[in-house]
């Protein structure tokens, strides 16, 4: 029993090392520029097939990285939702979209890589399904439902369009700040919570902006 426990602990440690190294390499060099073999070597594994042994395909490895972070972000979002209750304030719901990610990044040791990694995965037409599968759960749906209740008069095409704008702004701005921190360059905010406040302001503005009359999706 002790031997099996030791082997299990060793295997779990190897998995965590591979996950960390892979996330960093994908963030810094690009998902498609890094092979499983390179990840295994960088993780100090004598067996170049270590990634395949512990995770399977590269897509399985990508999914494991997303899942590792998504669990904690979901926990943070659920706590915020409990505090938000039945708010009718758009900004409260936008905060539920933004702060779980920024709070999670703030919890991690610096430098972090997940924001840059996630942006790459989400912008690929095939890999984005991995991100959606692992992150779009009940807490996100509850947040979007709360946001939509605050915007009953916003036409559906505008709602869809602004949702895409908000998602792109959130993901790319998180990646930009993460990149700046990793490179020790000056950033516009001293902390992740402060940065989140600016993002929440901007995304709230997107949702509350007037709709131009006479456009294909505006009201005349």
Foldseek 3Di string as FASTA:
>chain_A
DVVVVVVVVVLVVLLVLLLQQLLVCCLVPNLVVDACLNSCVVSVHPDSCSCCVNQNHSLSSLLVNLLVLLVQLLVVLVVLCVVCDLDLDLLSLLLSVQVSVLVSCQPDPPLDRNLSNLVRQCPDPVSVVSNCVRHVDDSVVVSVVSNCVNVVPQFPVLVVVLVVVLVVLRSVVVSVVSVCRNVVHDDPDDGSVVVSVVSSVVSSCSSPPADDDPDPRHHD
